[in-house]
Amino acid sequence: AAVTQGIQVGPSTSQEYVVRLRGCFQQTATCTGRLAMNEPNLQTVPKPIEFDTNGSQQLQLEESENAAPPLPPVSLNVRAAFVAPPGCLILSVDYSQ
């Protein structure tokens, strides 16, 4: 399996390719004592967001007789791409000082 800056790509037991991300934690990189991460920085994966696909154009269409039905919102969840291997789990914690 090839490893490049914390990214490992290789075959799994099911003959499919698996990509594993392994970031590097830095315990002394900040003056506040917080943990930092790089290569890749997995602490900045965005939360799920939802887009309104109708917008102001839908308001104009509703006024006409041939109004199209409203479109459902579109959601984007980058965090859903992170899946734990069989028998493991992904733990998300937030601790305060």
PDB file of N, CA and C in Angstrom:
ATOM      1  N   ALA A   1       0.839  -1.184   0.000  1.00  0.00           N
ATOM      2  CA  ALA A   1       0.000   0.000   0.000  1.00  0.00           C
ATOM      3  C   ALA A   1       0.881   1.243   0.000  1.00  0.00           C
ATOM      4  N   ALA A   2       0.486   2.212  -0.773  1.00  0.00           N
ATOM      5  CA  ALA A   2       1.260   3.447  -0.874  1.00  0.00           C
ATOM      6  C   ALA A   2       0.787   4.457   0.161  1.00  0.00           C
ATOM      7  N   VAL A   3       1.739   5.157   0.796  1.00  0.00           N
ATOM      8  CA  VAL A   3       1.404   6.177   1.781  1.00  0.00           C
ATOM      9  C   VAL A   3       2.020   7.492   1.332  1.00  0.00           C
ATOM     10  N   THR A   4       1.190   8.539   1.206  1.00  0.00           N
ATOM     11  CA  THR A   4       1.656   9.860   0.826  1.00  0.00           C
ATOM     12  C   THR A   4       1.020  10.882   1.749  1.00  0.00           C
ATOM     13  N   GLN A   5       1.786  11.538   2.568  1.00  0.00           N
ATOM     14  CA  GLN A   5       1.324  12.579   3.487  1.00  0.00           C
ATOM     15  C   GLN A   5       0.057  12.190   4.226  1.00  0.00           C
ATOM     16  N   GLY A   6       0.058  11.063   4.887  1.00  0.00           N
ATOM     17  CA  GLY A   6      -1.066  10.653   5.707  1.00  0.00           C
ATOM     18  C   GLY A   6      -2.202  10.002   4.962  1.00  0.00           C
ATOM     19  N   ILE A   7      -2.069   9.761   3.675  1.00  0.00           N
ATOM     20  CA  ILE A   7      -3.118   9.119   2.896  1.00  0.00           C
ATOM     21  C   ILE A   7      -2.603   7.767   2.427  1.00  0.00           C
ATOM     22  N   GLN A   8      -3.302   6.710   2.792  1.00  0.00           N
ATOM     23  CA  GLN A   8      -2.892   5.365   2.407  1.00  0.00           C
ATOM     24  C   GLN A   8      -3.948   4.776   1.489  1.00  0.00           C
ATOM     25  N   VAL A   9      -3.516   4.268   0.339  1.00  0.00           N
ATOM     26  CA  VAL A   9      -4.427   3.660  -0.626  1.00  0.00           C
ATOM     27  C   VAL A   9      -3.960   2.237  -0.867  1.00  0.00           C
ATOM     28  N   GLY A  10      -4.872   1.302  -0.773  1.00  0.00           N
ATOM     29  CA  GLY A  10      -4.492  -0.082  -1.009  1.00  0.00           C
ATOM     30  C   GLY A  10      -5.708  -0.973  -1.048  1.00  0.00           C
ATOM     31  N   PRO A  11      -5.530  -2.224  -1.478  1.00  0.00           N
ATOM     32  CA  PRO A  11      -6.669  -3.145  -1.557  1.00  0.00           C
ATOM     33  C   PRO A  11      -7.121  -3.578  -0.172  1.00  0.00           C
ATOM     34  N   SER A  12      -8.416  -3.788  -0.036  1.00  0.00           N
ATOM     35  CA  SER A  12      -8.966  -4.326   1.205  1.00  0.00           C
ATOM     36  C   SER A  12      -9.269  -5.803   0.980  1.00  0.00           C
ATOM     37  N   THR A  13      -9.866  -6.436   1.975  1.00  0.00           N
ATOM     38  CA  THR A  13     -10.157  -7.861   1.857  1.00  0.00           C
ATOM     39  C   THR A  13     -11.258  -8.141   0.845  1.00  0.00           C
ATOM     40  N   SER A  14     -12.071  -7.151   0.500  1.00  0.00           N
ATOM     41  CA  SER A  14     -13.175  -7.366  -0.445  1.00  0.00           C
ATOM     42  C   SER A  14     -12.776  -7.014  -1.879  1.00  0.00           C
ATOM     43  N   GLN A  15     -11.482  -6.906  -2.160  1.00  0.00           N
ATOM     44  CA  GLN A  15     -10.970  -6.600  -3.499  1.00  0.00           C
ATOM     45  C   GLN A  15     -11.341  -5.193  -3.964  1.00  0.00           C
ATOM     46  N   GLU A  16     -11.806  -4.344  -3.093  1.00  0.00           N
ATOM     47  CA  GLU A  16     -12.054  -2.952  -3.424  1.00  0.00           C
ATOM     48  C   GLU A  16     -10.915  -2.124  -2.845  1.00  0.00           C
ATOM     49  N   TYR A  17     -10.679  -0.964  -3.433  1.00  0.00           N
ATOM     50  CA  TYR A  17      -9.629  -0.116  -2.894  1.00  0.00           C
ATOM     51  C   TYR A  17     -10.166   0.737  -1.755  1.00  0.00           C
ATOM     52  N   VAL A  18      -9.354   0.878  -0.735  1.00  0.00           N
ATOM     53  CA  VAL A  18      -9.723   1.615   0.460  1.00  0.00           C
ATOM     54  C   VAL A  18      -8.734   2.759   0.632  1.00  0.00           C
ATOM     55  N   VAL A  19      -9.236   3.929   0.975  1.00  0.00           N
ATOM     56  CA  VAL A  19      -8.386   5.077   1.260  1.00  0.00           C
ATOM     57  C   VAL A  19      -8.490   5.363   2.749  1.00  0.00           C
ATOM     58  N   ARG A  20      -7.363   5.412   3.412  1.00  0.00           N
ATOM     59  CA  ARG A  20      -7.332   5.709   4.847  1.00  0.00           C
ATOM     60  C   ARG A  20      -6.567   7.006   5.062  1.00  0.00           C
ATOM     61  N   LEU A  21      -7.179   7.914   5.794  1.00  0.00           N
ATOM     62  CA  LEU A  21      -6.544   9.187   6.118  1.00  0.00           C
ATOM     63  C   LEU A  21      -6.005   9.120   7.536  1.00  0.00           C
ATOM     64  N   ARG A  22      -4.754   9.475   7.675  1.00  0.00           N
ATOM     65  CA  ARG A  22      -4.127   9.497   8.999  1.00  0.00           C
ATOM     66  C   ARG A  22      -3.424  10.842   9.154  1.00  0.00           C
ATOM     67  N   GLY A  23      -4.029  11.703   9.929  1.00  0.00           N
ATOM     68  CA  GLY A  23      -3.436  13.010  10.161  1.00  0.00           C
ATOM     69  C   GLY A  23      -2.369  12.936  11.233  1.00  0.00           C
ATOM     70  N   CYS A  24      -1.584  13.971  11.302  1.00  0.00           N
ATOM     71  CA  CYS A  24      -0.503  14.054  12.280  1.00  0.00           C
ATOM     72  C   CYS A  24      -0.903  15.055  13.361  1.00  0.00           C
ATOM     73  N   PHE A  25      -1.055  14.581  14.609  1.00  0.00           N
ATOM     74  CA  PHE A  25      -1.386  15.469  15.727  1.00  0.00           C
ATOM     75  C   PHE A  25      -0.127  16.159  16.215  1.00  0.00           C
ATOM     76  N   GLN A  26      -0.261  17.430  16.540  1.00  0.00           N
ATOM     77  CA  GLN A  26       0.844  18.207  17.093  1.00  0.00           C
ATOM     78  C   GLN A  26       0.414  18.737  18.455  1.00  0.00           C
ATOM     79  N   GLN A  27       1.072  18.284  19.502  1.00  0.00           N
ATOM     80  CA  GLN A  27       0.685  18.663  20.856  1.00  0.00           C
ATOM     81  C   GLN A  27       1.253  20.005  21.289  1.00  0.00           C
ATOM     82  N   THR A  28       2.304  20.468  20.653  1.00  0.00           N
ATOM     83  CA  THR A  28       2.943  21.711  21.083  1.00  0.00           C
ATOM     84  C   THR A  28       2.911  22.789  20.003  1.00  0.00           C
ATOM     85  N   ALA A  29       2.011  22.699  19.061  1.00  0.00           N
ATOM     86  CA  ALA A  29       1.987  23.649  17.943  1.00  0.00           C
ATOM     87  C   ALA A  29       1.247  24.950  18.277  1.00  0.00           C
ATOM     88  N   THR A  30       0.433  24.962  19.313  1.00  0.00           N
ATOM     89  CA  THR A  30      -0.324  26.176  19.643  1.00  0.00           C
ATOM     90  C   THR A  30       0.099  26.691  21.009  1.00  0.00           C
ATOM     91  N   CYS A  31      -0.017  27.999  21.192  1.00  0.00           N
ATOM     92  CA  CYS A  31       0.353  28.587  22.485  1.00  0.00           C
ATOM     93  C   CYS A  31      -0.757  28.387  23.519  1.00  0.00           C
ATOM     94  N   THR A  32      -1.951  27.982  23.098  1.00  0.00           N
ATOM     95  CA  THR A  32      -3.061  27.779  24.030  1.00  0.00           C
ATOM     96  C   THR A  32      -3.100  26.360  24.596  1.00  0.00           C
ATOM     97  N   GLY A  33      -2.275  25.463  24.073  1.00  0.00           N
ATOM     98  CA  GLY A  33      -2.256  24.094  24.563  1.00  0.00           C
ATOM     99  C   GLY A  33      -3.224  23.169  23.853  1.00  0.00           C
ATOM    100  N   ARG A  34      -3.921  23.664  22.855  1.00  0.00           N
ATOM    101  CA  ARG A  34      -4.841  22.813  22.103  1.00  0.00           C
ATOM    102  C   ARG A  34      -4.073  21.936  21.131  1.00  0.00           C
ATOM    103  N   LEU A  35      -4.705  20.840  20.757  1.00  0.00           N
ATOM    104  CA  LEU A  35      -4.099  19.967  19.755  1.00  0.00           C
ATOM    105  C   LEU A  35      -4.284  20.575  18.375  1.00  0.00           C
ATOM    106  N   ALA A  36      -3.272  20.465  17.555  1.00  0.00           N
ATOM    107  CA  ALA A  36      -3.354  20.878  16.154  1.00  0.00           C
ATOM    108  C   ALA A  36      -3.145  19.639  15.303  1.00  0.00           C
ATOM    109  N   MET A  37      -3.533  19.716  14.047  1.00  0.00           N
ATOM    110  CA  MET A  37      -3.426  18.563  13.167  1.00  0.00           C
ATOM    111  C   MET A  37      -3.056  19.048  11.769  1.00  0.00           C
ATOM    112  N   ASN A  38      -2.235  18.260  11.073  1.00  0.00           N
ATOM    113  CA  ASN A  38      -1.921  18.588   9.689  1.00  0.00           C
ATOM    114  C   ASN A  38      -1.630  17.324   8.911  1.00  0.00           C
ATOM    115  N   GLU A  39      -1.486  17.489   7.629  1.00  0.00           N
ATOM    116  CA  GLU A  39      -1.140  16.437   6.662  1.00  0.00           C
ATOM    117  C   GLU A  39      -2.016  15.207   6.740  1.00  0.00           C
ATOM    118  N   PRO A  40      -3.280  15.216   6.496  1.00  0.00           N
ATOM    119  CA  PRO A  40      -4.194  16.341   6.293  1.00  0.00           C
ATOM    120  C   PRO A  40      -4.803  16.798   7.619  1.00  0.00           C
ATOM    121  N   ASN A  41      -5.340  18.014   7.614  1.00  0.00           N
ATOM    122  CA  ASN A  41      -5.990  18.561   8.800  1.00  0.00           C
ATOM    123  C   ASN A  41      -7.436  18.068   8.834  1.00  0.00           C
ATOM    124  N   LEU A  42      -7.695  17.043   9.617  1.00  0.00           N
ATOM    125  CA  LEU A  42      -9.035  16.456   9.698  1.00  0.00           C
ATOM    126  C   LEU A  42      -9.921  17.151  10.720  1.00  0.00           C
ATOM    127  N   GLN A  43      -9.405  18.179  11.377  1.00  0.00           N
ATOM    128  CA  GLN A  43     -10.209  18.932  12.342  1.00  0.00           C
ATOM    129  C   GLN A  43     -11.085  19.975  11.664  1.00  0.00           C
ATOM    130  N   THR A  44     -10.927  20.182  10.383  1.00  0.00           N
ATOM    131  CA  THR A  44     -11.671  21.234   9.690  1.00  0.00           C
ATOM    132  C   THR A  44     -12.657  20.687   8.664  1.00  0.00           C
ATOM    133  N   VAL A  45     -13.090  19.457   8.818  1.00  0.00           N
ATOM    134  CA  VAL A  45     -14.097  18.895   7.908  1.00  0.00           C
ATOM    135  C   VAL A  45     -15.420  19.607   8.209  1.00  0.00           C
ATOM    136  N   PRO A  46     -16.052  20.220   7.206  1.00  0.00           N
ATOM    137  CA  PRO A  46     -17.248  21.026   7.473  1.00  0.00           C
ATOM    138  C   PRO A  46     -18.448  20.191   7.919  1.00  0.00           C
ATOM    139  N   LYS A  47     -19.298  20.844   8.697  1.00  0.00           N
ATOM    140  CA  LYS A  47     -20.549  20.217   9.128  1.00  0.00           C
ATOM    141  C   LYS A  47     -21.495  20.112   7.935  1.00  0.00           C
ATOM    142  N   PRO A  48     -22.488  19.211   8.011  1.00  0.00           N
ATOM    143  CA  PRO A  48     -23.458  19.108   6.906  1.00  0.00           C
ATOM    144  C   PRO A  48     -24.208  20.420   6.703  1.00  0.00           C
ATOM    145  N   ILE A  49     -24.420  20.785   5.438  1.00  0.00           N
ATOM    146  CA  ILE A  49     -25.164  22.002   5.127  1.00  0.00           C
ATOM    147  C   ILE A  49     -26.268  21.676   4.133  1.00  0.00           C
ATOM    148  N   GLU A  50     -27.290  22.505   4.115  1.00  0.00           N
ATOM    149  CA  GLU A  50     -28.430  22.300   3.233  1.00  0.00           C
ATOM    150  C   GLU A  50     -28.642  23.562   2.400  1.00  0.00           C
ATOM    151  N   PHE A  51     -28.839  23.371   1.102  1.00  0.00           N
ATOM    152  CA  PHE A  51     -29.038  24.480   0.186  1.00  0.00           C
ATOM    153  C   PHE A  51     -30.495  24.541  -0.239  1.00  0.00           C
ATOM    154  N   ASP A  52     -31.056  25.743  -0.231  1.00  0.00           N
ATOM    155  CA  ASP A  52     -32.411  25.957  -0.727  1.00  0.00           C
ATOM    156  C   ASP A  52     -32.317  26.113  -2.234  1.00  0.00           C
ATOM    157  N   THR A  53     -32.877  25.178  -2.973  1.00  0.00           N
ATOM    158  CA  THR A  53     -32.770  25.201  -4.434  1.00  0.00           C
ATOM    159  C   THR A  53     -33.826  26.079  -5.081  1.00  0.00           C
ATOM    160  N   ASN A  54     -34.782  26.554  -4.334  1.00  0.00           N
ATOM    161  CA  ASN A  54     -35.850  27.364  -4.918  1.00  0.00           C
ATOM    162  C   ASN A  54     -35.445  28.824  -5.043  1.00  0.00           C
ATOM    163  N   GLY A  55     -34.960  29.401  -3.991  1.00  0.00           N
ATOM    164  CA  GLY A  55     -34.495  30.783  -4.028  1.00  0.00           C
ATOM    165  C   GLY A  55     -35.584  31.754  -4.425  1.00  0.00           C
ATOM    166  N   SER A  56     -35.185  32.909  -4.912  1.00  0.00           N
ATOM    167  CA  SER A  56     -36.154  33.942  -5.293  1.00  0.00           C
ATOM    168  C   SER A  56     -36.829  33.634  -6.624  1.00  0.00           C
ATOM    169  N   GLN A  57     -36.214  32.804  -7.463  1.00  0.00           N
ATOM    170  CA  GLN A  57     -36.841  32.469  -8.743  1.00  0.00           C
ATOM    171  C   GLN A  57     -38.159  31.730  -8.522  1.00  0.00           C
ATOM    172  N   GLN A  58     -38.223  30.897  -7.498  1.00  0.00           N
ATOM    173  CA  GLN A  58     -39.453  30.150  -7.234  1.00  0.00           C
ATOM    174  C   GLN A  58     -40.581  31.094  -6.846  1.00  0.00           C
ATOM    175  N   LEU A  59     -40.259  32.174  -6.142  1.00  0.00           N
ATOM    176  CA  LEU A  59     -41.301  33.126  -5.766  1.00  0.00           C
ATOM    177  C   LEU A  59     -41.924  33.749  -7.018  1.00  0.00           C
ATOM    178  N   GLN A  60     -41.127  34.044  -8.008  1.00  0.00           N
ATOM    179  CA  GLN A  60     -41.644  34.619  -9.252  1.00  0.00           C
ATOM    180  C   GLN A  60     -42.464  33.588 -10.017  1.00  0.00           C
ATOM    181  N   LEU A  61     -42.040  32.322  -9.998  1.00  0.00           N
ATOM    182  CA  LEU A  61     -42.776  31.285 -10.713  1.00  0.00           C
ATOM    183  C   LEU A  61     -44.128  30.995 -10.068  1.00  0.00           C
ATOM    184  N   GLU A  62     -44.219  31.103  -8.754  1.00  0.00           N
ATOM    185  CA  GLU A  62     -45.480  30.815  -8.067  1.00  0.00           C
ATOM    186  C   GLU A  62     -46.567  31.810  -8.447  1.00  0.00           C
ATOM    187  N   GLU A  63     -46.187  32.984  -8.850  1.00  0.00           N
ATOM    188  CA  GLU A  63     -47.168  33.990  -9.220  1.00  0.00           C
ATOM    189  C   GLU A  63     -47.783  33.704 -10.593  1.00  0.00           C
ATOM    190  N   SER A  64     -47.105  32.960 -11.434  1.00  0.00           N
ATOM    191  CA  SER A  64     -47.635  32.658 -12.754  1.00  0.00           C
ATOM    192  C   SER A  64     -48.507  31.410 -12.694  1.00  0.00           C
ATOM    193  N   GLU A  65     -49.284  31.193 -13.747  1.00  0.00           N
ATOM    194  CA  GLU A  65     -50.187  30.040 -13.781  1.00  0.00           C
ATOM    195  C   GLU A  65     -49.432  28.732 -13.999  1.00  0.00           C
ATOM    196  N   ASN A  66     -48.309  28.772 -14.690  1.00  0.00           N
ATOM    197  CA  ASN A  66     -47.534  27.573 -15.000  1.00  0.00           C
ATOM    198  C   ASN A  66     -46.405  27.366 -13.990  1.00  0.00           C
ATOM    199  N   ALA A  67     -46.714  27.539 -12.753  1.00  0.00           N
ATOM    200  CA  ALA A  67     -45.679  27.420 -11.723  1.00  0.00           C
ATOM    201  C   ALA A  67     -45.197  25.972 -11.594  1.00  0.00           C
ATOM    202  N   ALA A  68     -43.908  25.815 -11.536  1.00  0.00           N
ATOM    203  CA  ALA A  68     -43.320  24.483 -11.353  1.00  0.00           C
ATOM    204  C   ALA A  68     -43.423  24.092  -9.882  1.00  0.00           C
ATOM    205  N   PRO A  69     -43.500  22.804  -9.603  1.00  0.00           N
ATOM    206  CA  PRO A  69     -43.540  22.402  -8.188  1.00  0.00           C
ATOM    207  C   PRO A  69     -42.223  22.760  -7.507  1.00  0.00           C
ATOM    208  N   PRO A  70     -42.260  23.040  -6.216  1.00  0.00           N
ATOM    209  CA  PRO A  70     -41.031  23.420  -5.517  1.00  0.00           C
ATOM    210  C   PRO A  70     -40.025  22.270  -5.515  1.00  0.00           C
ATOM    211  N   LEU A  71     -38.772  22.622  -5.621  1.00  0.00           N
ATOM    212  CA  LEU A  71     -37.701  21.633  -5.599  1.00  0.00           C
ATOM    213  C   LEU A  71     -37.306  21.324  -4.162  1.00  0.00           C
ATOM    214  N   PRO A  72     -36.933  20.088  -3.888  1.00  0.00           N
ATOM    215  CA  PRO A  72     -36.491  19.770  -2.527  1.00  0.00           C
ATOM    216  C   PRO A  72     -35.118  20.379  -2.265  1.00  0.00           C
ATOM    217  N   PRO A  73     -34.795  20.659  -1.018  1.00  0.00           N
ATOM    218  CA  PRO A  73     -33.469  21.197  -0.713  1.00  0.00           C
ATOM    219  C   PRO A  73     -32.386  20.155  -1.002  1.00  0.00           C
ATOM    220  N   VAL A  74     -31.203  20.632  -1.305  1.00  0.00           N
ATOM    221  CA  VAL A  74     -30.059  19.769  -1.579  1.00  0.00           C
ATOM    222  C   VAL A  74     -29.125  19.842  -0.387  1.00  0.00           C
ATOM    223  N   SER A  75     -28.740  18.690   0.137  1.00  0.00           N
ATOM    224  CA  SER A  75     -27.840  18.691   1.286  1.00  0.00           C
ATOM    225  C   SER A  75     -26.480  18.144   0.887  1.00  0.00           C
ATOM    226  N   LEU A  76     -25.453  18.640   1.548  1.00  0.00           N
ATOM    227  CA  LEU A  76     -24.077  18.226   1.307  1.00  0.00           C
ATOM    228  C   LEU A  76     -23.472  17.835   2.649  1.00  0.00           C
ATOM    229  N   ASN A  77     -23.043  16.579   2.758  1.00  0.00           N
ATOM    230  CA  ASN A  77     -22.468  16.083   4.002  1.00  0.00           C
ATOM    231  C   ASN A  77     -21.129  15.416   3.690  1.00  0.00           C
ATOM    232  N   VAL A  78     -20.055  16.181   3.808  1.00  0.00           N
ATOM    233  CA  VAL A  78     -18.717  15.659   3.548  1.00  0.00           C
ATOM    234  C   VAL A  78     -18.339  14.629   4.614  1.00  0.00           C
ATOM    235  N   ARG A  79     -18.828  14.808   5.827  1.00  0.00           N
ATOM    236  CA  ARG A  79     -18.481  13.888   6.918  1.00  0.00           C
ATOM    237  C   ARG A  79     -19.001  12.472   6.686  1.00  0.00           C
ATOM    238  N   ALA A  80     -20.005  12.315   5.830  1.00  0.00           N
ATOM    239  CA  ALA A  80     -20.539  10.980   5.534  1.00  0.00           C
ATOM    240  C   ALA A  80     -19.532  10.140   4.751  1.00  0.00           C
ATOM    241  N   ALA A  81     -18.517  10.776   4.179  1.00  0.00           N
ATOM    242  CA  ALA A  81     -17.491  10.038   3.445  1.00  0.00           C
ATOM    243  C   ALA A  81     -16.535   9.308   4.379  1.00  0.00           C
ATOM    244  N   PHE A  82     -16.536   9.656   5.649  1.00  0.00           N
ATOM    245  CA  PHE A  82     -15.653   9.007   6.616  1.00  0.00           C
ATOM    246  C   PHE A  82     -16.389   7.822   7.226  1.00  0.00           C
ATOM    247  N   VAL A  83     -15.890   6.626   6.979  1.00  0.00           N
ATOM    248  CA  VAL A  83     -16.519   5.396   7.433  1.00  0.00           C
ATOM    249  C   VAL A  83     -15.485   4.575   8.192  1.00  0.00           C
ATOM    250  N   ALA A  84     -15.872   4.065   9.334  1.00  0.00           N
ATOM    251  CA  ALA A  84     -14.956   3.245  10.131  1.00  0.00           C
ATOM    252  C   ALA A  84     -14.827   1.854   9.529  1.00  0.00           C
ATOM    253  N   PRO A  85     -13.647   1.234   9.667  1.00  0.00           N
ATOM    254  CA  PRO A  85     -13.489  -0.147   9.201  1.00  0.00           C
ATOM    255  C   PRO A  85     -14.401  -1.082   9.991  1.00  0.00           C
ATOM    256  N   PRO A  86     -14.684  -2.264   9.467  1.00  0.00           N
ATOM    257  CA  PRO A  86     -15.532  -3.225  10.194  1.00  0.00           C
ATOM    258  C   PRO A  86     -14.974  -3.513  11.587  1.00  0.00           C
ATOM    259  N   GLY A  87     -15.861  -3.476  12.568  1.00  0.00           N
ATOM    260  CA  GLY A  87     -15.468  -3.732  13.943  1.00  0.00           C
ATOM    261  C   GLY A  87     -14.938  -2.519  14.671  1.00  0.00           C
ATOM    262  N   CYS A  88     -14.881  -1.371  14.005  1.00  0.00           N
ATOM    263  CA  CYS A  88     -14.367  -0.139  14.618  1.00  0.00           C
ATOM    264  C   CYS A  88     -15.443   0.939  14.568  1.00  0.00           C
ATOM    265  N   LEU A  89     -15.190   2.054  15.242  1.00  0.00           N
ATOM    266  CA  LEU A  89     -16.123   3.174  15.201  1.00  0.00           C
ATOM    267  C   LEU A  89     -15.353   4.471  15.130  1.00  0.00           C
ATOM    268  N   ILE A  90     -16.035   5.505  14.689  1.00  0.00           N
ATOM    269  CA  ILE A  90     -15.466   6.848  14.666  1.00  0.00           C
ATOM    270  C   ILE A  90     -16.070   7.601  15.833  1.00  0.00           C
ATOM    271  N   LEU A  91     -15.221   8.145  16.662  1.00  0.00           N
ATOM    272  CA  LEU A  91     -15.657   8.841  17.866  1.00  0.00           C
ATOM    273  C   LEU A  91     -15.408  10.329  17.693  1.00  0.00           C
ATOM    274  N   SER A  92     -16.429  11.125  17.920  1.00  0.00           N
ATOM    275  CA  SER A  92     -16.305  12.576  17.848  1.00  0.00           C
ATOM    276  C   SER A  92     -16.544  13.139  19.237  1.00  0.00           C
ATOM    277  N   VAL A  93     -15.573  13.837  19.762  1.00  0.00           N
ATOM    278  CA  VAL A  93     -15.693  14.390  21.110  1.00  0.00           C
ATOM    279  C   VAL A  93     -15.337  15.875  21.091  1.00  0.00           C
ATOM    280  N   ASP A  94     -15.882  16.583  22.034  1.00  0.00           N
ATOM    281  CA  ASP A  94     -15.570  17.990  22.224  1.00  0.00           C
ATOM    282  C   ASP A  94     -15.353  18.184  23.712  1.00  0.00           C
ATOM    283  N   TYR A  95     -14.157  18.533  24.076  1.00  0.00           N
ATOM    284  CA  TYR A  95     -13.866  18.692  25.493  1.00  0.00           C
ATOM    285  C   TYR A  95     -13.561  20.165  25.786  1.00  0.00           C
ATOM    286  N   SER A  96     -13.878  20.572  26.995  1.00  0.00           N
ATOM    287  CA  SER A  96     -13.593  21.940  27.394  1.00  0.00           C
ATOM    288  C   SER A  96     -12.478  21.926  28.436  1.00  0.00           C
ATOM    289  N   GLN A  97     -11.845  23.073  28.586  1.00  0.00           N
ATOM    290  CA  GLN A  97     -10.760  23.156  29.560  1.00  0.00           C
ATOM    291  C   GLN A  97     -11.355  23.281  30.921  1.00  0.00           C
TER     292      GLN A  97
END
